[in-house]
Amino acid sequence: MSHEYFPVNQAGLSYGVAFDESAVAAFLADHPDYDPEKDYDLMRDACVPELVSVSSEDSADGYVLEEDLQEEPATPADAMELTKRNSEGYYVNVYDADTMEIIGVYKIGGTGDN
């Protein structure tokens, strides 16, 4: 995966806002023949950093691991469990981009009432 359009922290992870306007513009300049029907995965890999900017439950600005946002089920049973978990909501850690210290949690899915 290429994340050349984002800064990189001391741990070697790219960080920033997913589909940041400047990252998308740079990607499109580098790929003038981009076809969203065929090349979306290429753009997604380039324009989504490994650490994605969020605000934690207590309003601390930080980053979540992109892999925590995009879980892929391996089996139909995993898919059912993930669907249930997403409907109920679950929490992932929020990190400081430089130190990778956990600074809060971020809720994924759910109604927001929990």
PDB file of N, CA and C in Angstrom:
ATOM      1  N   MET A   1       0.833  -1.180   0.000  1.00  0.00           N
ATOM      2  CA  MET A   1       0.000   0.000   0.000  1.00  0.00           C
ATOM      3  C   MET A   1       0.879   1.246   0.000  1.00  0.00           C
ATOM      4  N   SER A   2       0.539   2.182  -0.822  1.00  0.00           N
ATOM      5  CA  SER A   2       1.286   3.429  -0.895  1.00  0.00           C
ATOM      6  C   SER A   2       0.518   4.529  -0.169  1.00  0.00           C
ATOM      7  N   HIS A   3       1.214   5.236   0.679  1.00  0.00           N
ATOM      8  CA  HIS A   3       0.614   6.363   1.399  1.00  0.00           C
ATOM      9  C   HIS A   3       1.503   7.590   1.221  1.00  0.00           C
ATOM     10  N   GLU A   4       2.031   7.765   0.025  1.00  0.00           N
ATOM     11  CA  GLU A   4       3.011   8.807  -0.226  1.00  0.00           C
ATOM     12  C   GLU A   4       2.470  10.224  -0.099  1.00  0.00           C
ATOM     13  N   TYR A   5       1.176  10.387  -0.024  1.00  0.00           N
ATOM     14  CA  TYR A   5       0.585  11.721   0.042  1.00  0.00           C
ATOM     15  C   TYR A   5       0.384  12.213   1.467  1.00  0.00           C
ATOM     16  N   PHE A   6       0.906  11.482   2.441  1.00  0.00           N
ATOM     17  CA  PHE A   6       0.724  11.814   3.857  1.00  0.00           C
ATOM     18  C   PHE A   6       2.060  11.846   4.584  1.00  0.00           C
ATOM     19  N   PRO A   7       2.133  12.620   5.685  1.00  0.00           N
ATOM     20  CA  PRO A   7       3.340  12.557   6.522  1.00  0.00           C
ATOM     21  C   PRO A   7       3.421  11.191   7.196  1.00  0.00           C
ATOM     22  N   VAL A   8       4.610  10.852   7.671  1.00  0.00           N
ATOM     23  CA  VAL A   8       4.856   9.567   8.321  1.00  0.00           C
ATOM     24  C   VAL A   8       5.403   9.833   9.717  1.00  0.00           C
ATOM     25  N   ASN A   9       4.889   9.099  10.718  1.00  0.00           N
ATOM     26  CA  ASN A   9       5.354   9.290  12.087  1.00  0.00           C
ATOM     27  C   ASN A   9       6.633   8.491  12.352  1.00  0.00           C
ATOM     28  N   GLN A  10       7.127   8.561  13.587  1.00  0.00           N
ATOM     29  CA  GLN A  10       8.369   7.876  13.940  1.00  0.00           C
ATOM     30  C   GLN A  10       8.249   6.360  13.849  1.00  0.00           C
ATOM     31  N   ALA A  11       7.038   5.839  13.943  1.00  0.00           N
ATOM     32  CA  ALA A  11       6.816   4.401  13.833  1.00  0.00           C
ATOM     33  C   ALA A  11       6.695   3.953  12.374  1.00  0.00           C
ATOM     34  N   GLY A  12       6.786   4.923  11.450  1.00  0.00           N
ATOM     35  CA  GLY A  12       6.704   4.599  10.030  1.00  0.00           C
ATOM     36  C   GLY A  12       5.292   4.509   9.488  1.00  0.00           C
ATOM     37  N   LEU A  13       4.305   5.007  10.252  1.00  0.00           N
ATOM     38  CA  LEU A  13       2.910   4.964   9.819  1.00  0.00           C
ATOM     39  C   LEU A  13       2.484   6.319   9.250  1.00  0.00           C
ATOM     40  N   SER A  14       1.783   6.290   8.132  1.00  0.00           N
ATOM     41  CA  SER A  14       1.256   7.528   7.562  1.00  0.00           C
ATOM     42  C   SER A  14       0.036   7.953   8.383  1.00  0.00           C
ATOM     43  N   TYR A  15      -0.191   9.276   8.432  1.00  0.00           N
ATOM     44  CA  TYR A  15      -1.327   9.781   9.208  1.00  0.00           C
ATOM     45  C   TYR A  15      -1.921  10.995   8.533  1.00  0.00           C
ATOM     46  N   GLY A  16      -3.234  11.187   8.741  1.00  0.00           N
ATOM     47  CA  GLY A  16      -3.921  12.334   8.171  1.00  0.00           C
ATOM     48  C   GLY A  16      -5.406  12.069   8.034  1.00  0.00           C
ATOM     49  N   VAL A  17      -6.048  12.877   7.206  1.00  0.00           N
ATOM     50  CA  VAL A  17      -7.482  12.796   6.962  1.00  0.00           C
ATOM     51  C   VAL A  17      -7.713  11.905   5.743  1.00  0.00           C
ATOM     52  N   ALA A  18      -8.588  10.926   5.873  1.00  0.00           N
ATOM     53  CA  ALA A  18      -8.911  10.056   4.737  1.00  0.00           C
ATOM     54  C   ALA A  18      -9.485  10.885   3.599  1.00  0.00           C
ATOM     55  N   PHE A  19      -9.010  10.631   2.411  1.00  0.00           N
ATOM     56  CA  PHE A  19      -9.428  11.321   1.199  1.00  0.00           C
ATOM     57  C   PHE A  19      -9.273  12.836   1.319  1.00  0.00           C
ATOM     58  N   ASP A  20      -8.194  13.244   2.002  1.00  0.00           N
ATOM     59  CA  ASP A  20      -7.850  14.660   2.116  1.00  0.00           C
ATOM     60  C   ASP A  20      -7.802  15.277   0.712  1.00  0.00           C
ATOM     61  N   GLU A  21      -8.316  16.495   0.588  1.00  0.00           N
ATOM     62  CA  GLU A  21      -8.402  17.158  -0.715  1.00  0.00           C
ATOM     63  C   GLU A  21      -7.049  17.221  -1.422  1.00  0.00           C
ATOM     64  N   SER A  22      -5.985  17.535  -0.685  1.00  0.00           N
ATOM     65  CA  SER A  22      -4.670  17.638  -1.324  1.00  0.00           C
ATOM     66  C   SER A  22      -4.140  16.263  -1.738  1.00  0.00           C
ATOM     67  N   ALA A  23      -4.445  15.225  -0.956  1.00  0.00           N
ATOM     68  CA  ALA A  23      -4.022  13.868  -1.317  1.00  0.00           C
ATOM     69  C   ALA A  23      -4.742  13.406  -2.580  1.00  0.00           C
ATOM     70  N   VAL A  24      -6.038  13.671  -2.650  1.00  0.00           N
ATOM     71  CA  VAL A  24      -6.809  13.282  -3.840  1.00  0.00           C
ATOM     72  C   VAL A  24      -6.314  14.042  -5.065  1.00  0.00           C
ATOM     73  N   ALA A  25      -6.066  15.349  -4.913  1.00  0.00           N
ATOM     74  CA  ALA A  25      -5.571  16.149  -6.042  1.00  0.00           C
ATOM     75  C   ALA A  25      -4.212  15.634  -6.525  1.00  0.00           C
ATOM     76  N   ALA A  26      -3.325  15.309  -5.594  1.00  0.00           N
ATOM     77  CA  ALA A  26      -2.009  14.784  -5.972  1.00  0.00           C
ATOM     78  C   ALA A  26      -2.148  13.427  -6.652  1.00  0.00           C
ATOM     79  N   PHE A  27      -3.014  12.572  -6.125  1.00  0.00           N
ATOM     80  CA  PHE A  27      -3.246  11.265  -6.740  1.00  0.00           C
ATOM     81  C   PHE A  27      -3.744  11.432  -8.166  1.00  0.00           C
ATOM     82  N   LEU A  28      -4.741  12.297  -8.360  1.00  0.00           N
ATOM     83  CA  LEU A  28      -5.296  12.498  -9.701  1.00  0.00           C
ATOM     84  C   LEU A  28      -4.259  13.094 -10.653  1.00  0.00           C
ATOM     85  N   ALA A  29      -3.387  13.965 -10.152  1.00  0.00           N
ATOM     86  CA  ALA A  29      -2.316  14.518 -10.994  1.00  0.00           C
ATOM     87  C   ALA A  29      -1.332  13.419 -11.399  1.00  0.00           C
ATOM     88  N   ASP A  30      -1.074  12.475 -10.479  1.00  0.00           N
ATOM     89  CA  ASP A  30      -0.156  11.373 -10.768  1.00  0.00           C
ATOM     90  C   ASP A  30      -0.794  10.268 -11.605  1.00  0.00           C
ATOM     91  N   HIS A  31      -2.130  10.246 -11.665  1.00  0.00           N
ATOM     92  CA  HIS A  31      -2.863   9.195 -12.380  1.00  0.00           C
ATOM     93  C   HIS A  31      -3.915   9.841 -13.282  1.00  0.00           C
ATOM     94  N   PRO A  32      -3.472  10.512 -14.360  1.00  0.00           N
ATOM     95  CA  PRO A  32      -4.421  11.244 -15.209  1.00  0.00           C
ATOM     96  C   PRO A  32      -5.460  10.348 -15.891  1.00  0.00           C
ATOM     97  N   ASP A  33      -5.191   9.065 -15.995  1.00  0.00           N
ATOM     98  CA  ASP A  33      -6.138   8.147 -16.632  1.00  0.00           C
ATOM     99  C   ASP A  33      -7.006   7.409 -15.607  1.00  0.00           C
ATOM    100  N   TYR A  34      -7.074   7.940 -14.389  1.00  0.00           N
ATOM    101  CA  TYR A  34      -7.841   7.294 -13.317  1.00  0.00           C
ATOM    102  C   TYR A  34      -9.278   7.041 -13.751  1.00  0.00           C
ATOM    103  N   ASP A  35      -9.728   5.819 -13.568  1.00  0.00           N
ATOM    104  CA  ASP A  35     -11.102   5.417 -13.867  1.00  0.00           C
ATOM    105  C   ASP A  35     -11.714   4.887 -12.577  1.00  0.00           C
ATOM    106  N   PRO A  36     -12.685   5.600 -11.994  1.00  0.00           N
ATOM    107  CA  PRO A  36     -13.242   5.172 -10.716  1.00  0.00           C
ATOM    108  C   PRO A  36     -13.877   3.780 -10.769  1.00  0.00           C
ATOM    109  N   GLU A  37     -14.336   3.376 -11.922  1.00  0.00           N
ATOM    110  CA  GLU A  37     -14.928   2.040 -12.056  1.00  0.00           C
ATOM    111  C   GLU A  37     -13.879   0.944 -11.904  1.00  0.00           C
ATOM    112  N   LYS A  38     -12.660   1.201 -12.368  1.00  0.00           N
ATOM    113  CA  LYS A  38     -11.607   0.186 -12.364  1.00  0.00           C
ATOM    114  C   LYS A  38     -10.564   0.397 -11.275  1.00  0.00           C
ATOM    115  N   ASP A  39     -10.306   1.657 -10.927  1.00  0.00           N
ATOM    116  CA  ASP A  39      -9.132   1.988 -10.114  1.00  0.00           C
ATOM    117  C   ASP A  39      -9.450   2.511  -8.719  1.00  0.00           C
ATOM    118  N   TYR A  40     -10.682   2.334  -8.233  1.00  0.00           N
ATOM    119  CA  TYR A  40     -11.026   2.894  -6.927  1.00  0.00           C
ATOM    120  C   TYR A  40     -10.115   2.356  -5.826  1.00  0.00           C
ATOM    121  N   ASP A  41      -9.819   1.048  -5.841  1.00  0.00           N
ATOM    122  CA  ASP A  41      -8.967   0.476  -4.794  1.00  0.00           C
ATOM    123  C   ASP A  41      -7.587   1.116  -4.787  1.00  0.00           C
ATOM    124  N   LEU A  42      -7.066   1.425  -5.967  1.00  0.00           N
ATOM    125  CA  LEU A  42      -5.768   2.105  -6.063  1.00  0.00           C
ATOM    126  C   LEU A  42      -5.841   3.478  -5.397  1.00  0.00           C
ATOM    127  N   MET A  43      -6.909   4.219  -5.683  1.00  0.00           N
ATOM    128  CA  MET A  43      -7.072   5.543  -5.067  1.00  0.00           C
ATOM    129  C   MET A  43      -7.265   5.414  -3.561  1.00  0.00           C
ATOM    130  N   ARG A  44      -8.079   4.471  -3.133  1.00  0.00           N
ATOM    131  CA  ARG A  44      -8.325   4.288  -1.705  1.00  0.00           C
ATOM    132  C   ARG A  44      -7.032   3.979  -0.978  1.00  0.00           C
ATOM    133  N   ASP A  45      -6.225   3.079  -1.522  1.00  0.00           N
ATOM    134  CA  ASP A  45      -4.961   2.724  -0.885  1.00  0.00           C
ATOM    135  C   ASP A  45      -4.027   3.926  -0.783  1.00  0.00           C
ATOM    136  N   ALA A  46      -4.069   4.803  -1.778  1.00  0.00           N
ATOM    137  CA  ALA A  46      -3.180   5.962  -1.789  1.00  0.00           C
ATOM    138  C   ALA A  46      -3.712   7.128  -0.957  1.00  0.00           C
ATOM    139  N   CYS A  47      -5.024   7.256  -0.849  1.00  0.00           N
ATOM    140  CA  CYS A  47      -5.630   8.450  -0.243  1.00  0.00           C
ATOM    141  C   CYS A  47      -6.226   8.224   1.146  1.00  0.00           C
ATOM    142  N   VAL A  48      -5.962   7.056   1.717  1.00  0.00           N
ATOM    143  CA  VAL A  48      -6.374   6.783   3.099  1.00  0.00           C
ATOM    144  C   VAL A  48      -5.107   6.396   3.858  1.00  0.00           C
ATOM    145  N   PRO A  49      -4.712   7.203   4.849  1.00  0.00           N
ATOM    146  CA  PRO A  49      -3.490   6.894   5.604  1.00  0.00           C
ATOM    147  C   PRO A  49      -3.692   5.713   6.554  1.00  0.00           C
ATOM    148  N   GLU A  50      -2.599   5.220   7.086  1.00  0.00           N
ATOM    149  CA  GLU A  50      -2.673   4.109   8.035  1.00  0.00           C
ATOM    150  C   GLU A  50      -3.287   4.529   9.363  1.00  0.00           C
ATOM    151  N   LEU A  51      -3.092   5.789   9.742  1.00  0.00           N
ATOM    152  CA  LEU A  51      -3.723   6.385  10.922  1.00  0.00           C
ATOM    153  C   LEU A  51      -4.676   7.472  10.427  1.00  0.00           C
ATOM    154  N   VAL A  52      -5.967   7.290  10.698  1.00  0.00           N
ATOM    155  CA  VAL A  52      -6.995   8.189  10.183  1.00  0.00           C
ATOM    156  C   VAL A  52      -7.450   9.141  11.287  1.00  0.00           C
ATOM    157  N   SER A  53      -7.511  10.415  10.969  1.00  0.00           N
ATOM    158  CA  SER A  53      -7.879  11.460  11.924  1.00  0.00           C
ATOM    159  C   SER A  53      -9.325  11.312  12.399  1.00  0.00           C
ATOM    160  N   VAL A  54      -9.508  11.385  13.734  1.00  0.00           N
ATOM    161  CA  VAL A  54     -10.837  11.342  14.363  1.00  0.00           C
ATOM    162  C   VAL A  54     -10.809  12.204  15.621  1.00  0.00           C
ATOM    163  N   SER A  55     -11.982  12.412  16.195  1.00  0.00           N
ATOM    164  CA  SER A  55     -12.103  12.977  17.537  1.00  0.00           C
ATOM    165  C   SER A  55     -12.628  11.873  18.434  1.00  0.00           C
ATOM    166  N   SER A  56     -11.974  11.681  19.577  1.00  0.00           N
ATOM    167  CA  SER A  56     -12.354  10.609  20.484  1.00  0.00           C
ATOM    168  C   SER A  56     -13.675  10.922  21.169  1.00  0.00           C
ATOM    169  N   GLU A  57     -14.179   9.964  21.920  1.00  0.00           N
ATOM    170  CA  GLU A  57     -15.431  10.132  22.662  1.00  0.00           C
ATOM    171  C   GLU A  57     -15.376  11.348  23.586  1.00  0.00           C
ATOM    172  N   ASP A  58     -14.189  11.686  24.101  1.00  0.00           N
ATOM    173  CA  ASP A  58     -14.067  12.849  24.988  1.00  0.00           C
ATOM    174  C   ASP A  58     -13.489  14.058  24.254  1.00  0.00           C
ATOM    175  N   SER A  59     -13.647  14.065  22.923  1.00  0.00           N
ATOM    176  CA  SER A  59     -13.282  15.186  22.047  1.00  0.00           C
ATOM    177  C   SER A  59     -11.787  15.415  21.885  1.00  0.00           C
ATOM    178  N   ALA A  60     -10.953  14.443  22.225  1.00  0.00           N
ATOM    179  CA  ALA A  60      -9.519  14.563  21.966  1.00  0.00           C
ATOM    180  C   ALA A  60      -9.269  14.238  20.498  1.00  0.00           C
ATOM    181  N   ASP A  61      -8.524  15.105  19.814  1.00  0.00           N
ATOM    182  CA  ASP A  61      -8.180  14.840  18.422  1.00  0.00           C
ATOM    183  C   ASP A  61      -7.029  13.858  18.374  1.00  0.00           C
ATOM    184  N   GLY A  62      -7.169  12.833  17.553  1.00  0.00           N
ATOM    185  CA  GLY A  62      -6.137  11.825  17.414  1.00  0.00           C
ATOM    186  C   GLY A  62      -6.389  10.981  16.183  1.00  0.00           C
ATOM    187  N   TYR A  63      -5.895   9.750  16.210  1.00  0.00           N
ATOM    188  CA  TYR A  63      -5.923   8.895  15.030  1.00  0.00           C
ATOM    189  C   TYR A  63      -6.287   7.470  15.410  1.00  0.00           C
ATOM    190  N   VAL A  64      -7.070   6.826  14.547  1.00  0.00           N
ATOM    191  CA  VAL A  64      -7.367   5.400  14.696  1.00  0.00           C
ATOM    192  C   VAL A  64      -6.655   4.652  13.584  1.00  0.00           C
ATOM    193  N   LEU A  65      -6.342   3.397  13.853  1.00  0.00           N
ATOM    194  CA  LEU A  65      -5.724   2.570  12.821  1.00  0.00           C
ATOM    195  C   LEU A  65      -6.751   2.302  11.729  1.00  0.00           C
ATOM    196  N   GLU A  66      -6.364   2.546  10.501  1.00  0.00           N
ATOM    197  CA  GLU A  66      -7.256   2.325   9.362  1.00  0.00           C
ATOM    198  C   GLU A  66      -7.773   0.899   9.364  1.00  0.00           C
ATOM    199  N   GLU A  67      -6.935  -0.050   9.738  1.00  0.00           N
ATOM    200  CA  GLU A  67      -7.359  -1.455   9.749  1.00  0.00           C
ATOM    201  C   GLU A  67      -8.481  -1.700  10.752  1.00  0.00           C
ATOM    202  N   ASP A  68      -8.594  -0.866  11.790  1.00  0.00           N
ATOM    203  CA  ASP A  68      -9.694  -1.001  12.743  1.00  0.00           C
ATOM    204  C   ASP A  68     -11.016  -0.516  12.151  1.00  0.00           C
ATOM    205  N   LEU A  69     -10.937   0.325  11.124  1.00  0.00           N
ATOM    206  CA  LEU A  69     -12.136   0.861  10.489  1.00  0.00           C
ATOM    207  C   LEU A  69     -12.658  -0.041   9.387  1.00  0.00           C
ATOM    208  N   GLN A  70     -11.820  -0.916   8.862  1.00  0.00           N
ATOM    209  CA  GLN A  70     -12.156  -1.703   7.678  1.00  0.00           C
ATOM    210  C   GLN A  70     -11.977  -3.195   7.903  1.00  0.00           C
ATOM    211  N   GLU A  71     -12.675  -3.737   8.855  1.00  0.00           N
ATOM    212  CA  GLU A  71     -12.558  -5.172   9.115  1.00  0.00           C
ATOM    213  C   GLU A  71     -13.192  -5.964   7.977  1.00  0.00           C
ATOM    214  N   GLU A  72     -12.515  -7.029   7.572  1.00  0.00           N
ATOM    215  CA  GLU A  72     -13.003  -7.911   6.516  1.00  0.00           C
ATOM    216  C   GLU A  72     -13.315  -9.272   7.113  1.00  0.00           C
ATOM    217  N   PRO A  73     -14.569  -9.703   7.073  1.00  0.00           N
ATOM    218  CA  PRO A  73     -14.894 -11.022   7.612  1.00  0.00           C
ATOM    219  C   PRO A  73     -14.318 -12.128   6.729  1.00  0.00           C
ATOM    220  N   ALA A  74     -13.855 -13.188   7.373  1.00  0.00           N
ATOM    221  CA  ALA A  74     -13.263 -14.310   6.640  1.00  0.00           C
ATOM    222  C   ALA A  74     -14.288 -15.391   6.309  1.00  0.00           C
ATOM    223  N   THR A  75     -15.360 -15.455   7.094  1.00  0.00           N
ATOM    224  CA  THR A  75     -16.373 -16.493   6.903  1.00  0.00           C
ATOM    225  C   THR A  75     -17.761 -15.865   7.018  1.00  0.00           C
ATOM    226  N   PRO A  76     -18.782 -16.576   6.575  1.00  0.00           N
ATOM    227  CA  PRO A  76     -20.145 -16.054   6.779  1.00  0.00           C
ATOM    228  C   PRO A  76     -20.467 -15.826   8.255  1.00  0.00           C
ATOM    229  N   ALA A  77     -19.972 -16.694   9.124  1.00  0.00           N
ATOM    230  CA  ALA A  77     -20.201 -16.503  10.563  1.00  0.00           C
ATOM    231  C   ALA A  77     -19.526 -15.226  11.049  1.00  0.00           C
ATOM    232  N   ASP A  78     -18.309 -14.955  10.558  1.00  0.00           N
ATOM    233  CA  ASP A  78     -17.615 -13.709  10.898  1.00  0.00           C
ATOM    234  C   ASP A  78     -18.412 -12.500  10.414  1.00  0.00           C
ATOM    235  N   ALA A  79     -18.996 -12.619   9.228  1.00  0.00           N
ATOM    236  CA  ALA A  79     -19.786 -11.520   8.664  1.00  0.00           C
ATOM    237  C   ALA A  79     -21.005 -11.235   9.529  1.00  0.00           C
ATOM    238  N   MET A  80     -21.655 -12.290  10.003  1.00  0.00           N
ATOM    239  CA  MET A  80     -22.819 -12.105  10.883  1.00  0.00           C
ATOM    240  C   MET A  80     -22.410 -11.443  12.195  1.00  0.00           C
ATOM    241  N   GLU A  81     -21.299 -11.880  12.765  1.00  0.00           N
ATOM    242  CA  GLU A  81     -20.805 -11.301  14.018  1.00  0.00           C
ATOM    243  C   GLU A  81     -20.428  -9.825  13.823  1.00  0.00           C
ATOM    244  N   LEU A  82     -19.765  -9.517  12.714  1.00  0.00           N
ATOM    245  CA  LEU A  82     -19.376  -8.135  12.429  1.00  0.00           C
ATOM    246  C   LEU A  82     -20.607  -7.252  12.231  1.00  0.00           C
ATOM    247  N   THR A  83     -21.609  -7.774  11.552  1.00  0.00           N
ATOM    248  CA  THR A  83     -22.853  -7.020  11.352  1.00  0.00           C
ATOM    249  C   THR A  83     -23.503  -6.708  12.699  1.00  0.00           C
ATOM    250  N   LYS A  84     -23.550  -7.703  13.578  1.00  0.00           N
ATOM    251  CA  LYS A  84     -24.125  -7.497  14.908  1.00  0.00           C
ATOM    252  C   LYS A  84     -23.311  -6.467  15.688  1.00  0.00           C
ATOM    253  N   ARG A  85     -21.991  -6.617  15.652  1.00  0.00           N
ATOM    254  CA  ARG A  85     -21.121  -5.698  16.381  1.00  0.00           C
ATOM    255  C   ARG A  85     -21.261  -4.275  15.852  1.00  0.00           C
ATOM    256  N   ASN A  86     -21.340  -4.126  14.522  1.00  0.00           N
ATOM    257  CA  ASN A  86     -21.499  -2.794  13.944  1.00  0.00           C
ATOM    258  C   ASN A  86     -22.832  -2.174  14.329  1.00  0.00           C
ATOM    259  N   SER A  87     -23.882  -2.972  14.401  1.00  0.00           N
ATOM    260  CA  SER A  87     -25.191  -2.418  14.763  1.00  0.00           C
ATOM    261  C   SER A  87     -25.221  -1.990  16.230  1.00  0.00           C
ATOM    262  N   GLU A  88     -24.504  -2.707  17.074  1.00  0.00           N
ATOM    263  CA  GLU A  88     -24.438  -2.356  18.498  1.00  0.00           C
ATOM    264  C   GLU A  88     -23.420  -1.262  18.764  1.00  0.00           C
ATOM    265  N   GLY A  89     -22.413  -1.195  17.925  1.00  0.00           N
ATOM    266  CA  GLY A  89     -21.313  -0.256  18.112  1.00  0.00           C
ATOM    267  C   GLY A  89     -20.198  -0.876  18.928  1.00  0.00           C
ATOM    268  N   TYR A  90     -18.988  -0.463  18.661  1.00  0.00           N
ATOM    269  CA  TYR A  90     -17.821  -0.930  19.411  1.00  0.00           C
ATOM    270  C   TYR A  90     -16.765   0.171  19.407  1.00  0.00           C
ATOM    271  N   TYR A  91     -15.809   0.039  20.293  1.00  0.00           N
ATOM    272  CA  TYR A  91     -14.807   1.084  20.481  1.00  0.00           C
ATOM    273  C   TYR A  91     -13.430   0.613  20.019  1.00  0.00           C
ATOM    274  N   VAL A  92     -12.685   1.553  19.431  1.00  0.00           N
ATOM    275  CA  VAL A  92     -11.292   1.304  19.077  1.00  0.00           C
ATOM    276  C   VAL A  92     -10.451   2.399  19.719  1.00  0.00           C
ATOM    277  N   ASN A  93      -9.187   2.128  19.894  1.00  0.00           N
ATOM    278  CA  ASN A  93      -8.290   3.101  20.516  1.00  0.00           C
ATOM    279  C   ASN A  93      -8.018   4.284  19.594  1.00  0.00           C
ATOM    280  N   VAL A  94      -7.852   5.452  20.204  1.00  0.00           N
ATOM    281  CA  VAL A  94      -7.421   6.663  19.515  1.00  0.00           C
ATOM    282  C   VAL A  94      -5.993   6.940  19.979  1.00  0.00           C
ATOM    283  N   TYR A  95      -5.104   7.190  19.013  1.00  0.00           N
ATOM    284  CA  TYR A  95      -3.681   7.364  19.289  1.00  0.00           C
ATOM    285  C   TYR A  95      -3.208   8.773  18.982  1.00  0.00           C
ATOM    286  N   ASP A  96      -2.176   9.190  19.698  1.00  0.00           N
ATOM    287  CA  ASP A  96      -1.402  10.366  19.329  1.00  0.00           C
ATOM    288  C   ASP A  96      -0.533   9.930  18.151  1.00  0.00           C
ATOM    289  N   ALA A  97      -0.509  10.706  17.077  1.00  0.00           N
ATOM    290  CA  ALA A  97       0.213  10.290  15.869  1.00  0.00           C
ATOM    291  C   ALA A  97       1.718  10.160  16.093  1.00  0.00           C
ATOM    292  N   ASP A  98       2.289  11.015  16.923  1.00  0.00           N
ATOM    293  CA  ASP A  98       3.745  10.993  17.105  1.00  0.00           C
ATOM    294  C   ASP A  98       4.201   9.908  18.079  1.00  0.00           C
ATOM    295  N   THR A  99       3.519   9.808  19.214  1.00  0.00           N
ATOM    296  CA  THR A  99       3.980   8.896  20.263  1.00  0.00           C
ATOM    297  C   THR A  99       3.302   7.528  20.213  1.00  0.00           C
ATOM    298  N   MET A 100       2.178   7.430  19.481  1.00  0.00           N
ATOM    299  CA  MET A 100       1.348   6.228  19.432  1.00  0.00           C
ATOM    300  C   MET A 100       0.794   5.878  20.816  1.00  0.00           C
ATOM    301  N   GLU A 101       0.773   6.871  21.701  1.00  0.00           N
ATOM    302  CA  GLU A 101       0.155   6.714  23.014  1.00  0.00           C
ATOM    303  C   GLU A 101      -1.360   6.730  22.838  1.00  0.00           C
ATOM    304  N   ILE A 102      -2.056   5.859  23.560  1.00  0.00           N
ATOM    305  CA  ILE A 102      -3.516   5.843  23.513  1.00  0.00           C
ATOM    306  C   ILE A 102      -4.028   7.057  24.282  1.00  0.00           C
ATOM    307  N   ILE A 103      -4.850   7.874  23.595  1.00  0.00           N
ATOM    308  CA  ILE A 103      -5.348   9.103  24.209  1.00  0.00           C
ATOM    309  C   ILE A 103      -6.868   9.108  24.361  1.00  0.00           C
ATOM    310  N   GLY A 104      -7.519   8.062  23.923  1.00  0.00           N
ATOM    311  CA  GLY A 104      -8.972   7.990  24.036  1.00  0.00           C
ATOM    312  C   GLY A 104      -9.506   6.809  23.266  1.00  0.00           C
ATOM    313  N   VAL A 105     -10.836   6.808  23.086  1.00  0.00           N
ATOM    314  CA  VAL A 105     -11.499   5.767  22.309  1.00  0.00           C
ATOM    315  C   VAL A 105     -12.457   6.414  21.318  1.00  0.00           C
ATOM    316  N   TYR A 106     -12.746   5.678  20.251  1.00  0.00           N
ATOM    317  CA  TYR A 106     -13.633   6.150  19.195  1.00  0.00           C
ATOM    318  C   TYR A 106     -14.673   5.071  18.946  1.00  0.00           C
ATOM    319  N   LYS A 107     -15.939   5.467  18.916  1.00  0.00           N
ATOM    320  CA  LYS A 107     -17.016   4.498  18.699  1.00  0.00           C
ATOM    321  C   LYS A 107     -17.290   4.320  17.211  1.00  0.00           C
ATOM    322  N   ILE A 108     -17.354   3.068  16.812  1.00  0.00           N
ATOM    323  CA  ILE A 108     -17.687   2.716  15.436  1.00  0.00           C
ATOM    324  C   ILE A 108     -19.049   2.025  15.447  1.00  0.00           C
ATOM    325  N   GLY A 109     -19.934   2.467  14.572  1.00  0.00           N
ATOM    326  CA  GLY A 109     -21.242   1.851  14.473  1.00  0.00           C
ATOM    327  C   GLY A 109     -22.155   2.241  15.616  1.00  0.00           C
ATOM    328  N   GLY A 110     -23.274   1.541  15.718  1.00  0.00           N
ATOM    329  CA  GLY A 110     -24.224   1.814  16.777  1.00  0.00           C
ATOM    330  C   GLY A 110     -25.034   3.061  16.509  1.00  0.00           C
ATOM    331  N   THR A 111     -25.923   3.344  17.419  1.00  0.00           N
ATOM    332  CA  THR A 111     -26.829   4.486  17.249  1.00  0.00           C
ATOM    333  C   THR A 111     -26.311   5.747  17.894  1.00  0.00           C
ATOM    334  N   GLY A 112     -25.268   5.638  18.718  1.00  0.00           N
ATOM    335  CA  GLY A 112     -24.771   6.796  19.438  1.00  0.00           C
ATOM    336  C   GLY A 112     -25.455   7.003  20.769  1.00  0.00           C
ATOM    337  N   ASP A 113     -26.471   6.160  21.061  1.00  0.00           N
ATOM    338  CA  ASP A 113     -27.208   6.279  22.314  1.00  0.00           C
ATOM    339  C   ASP A 113     -26.580   5.475  23.445  1.00  0.00           C
ATOM    340  N   ASN A 114     -25.597   4.645  23.150  1.00  0.00           N
ATOM    341  CA  ASN A 114     -25.015   3.755  24.173  1.00  0.00           C
ATOM    342  C   ASN A 114     -23.973   4.459  24.973  1.00  0.00           C
TER     343      ASN A 114
END
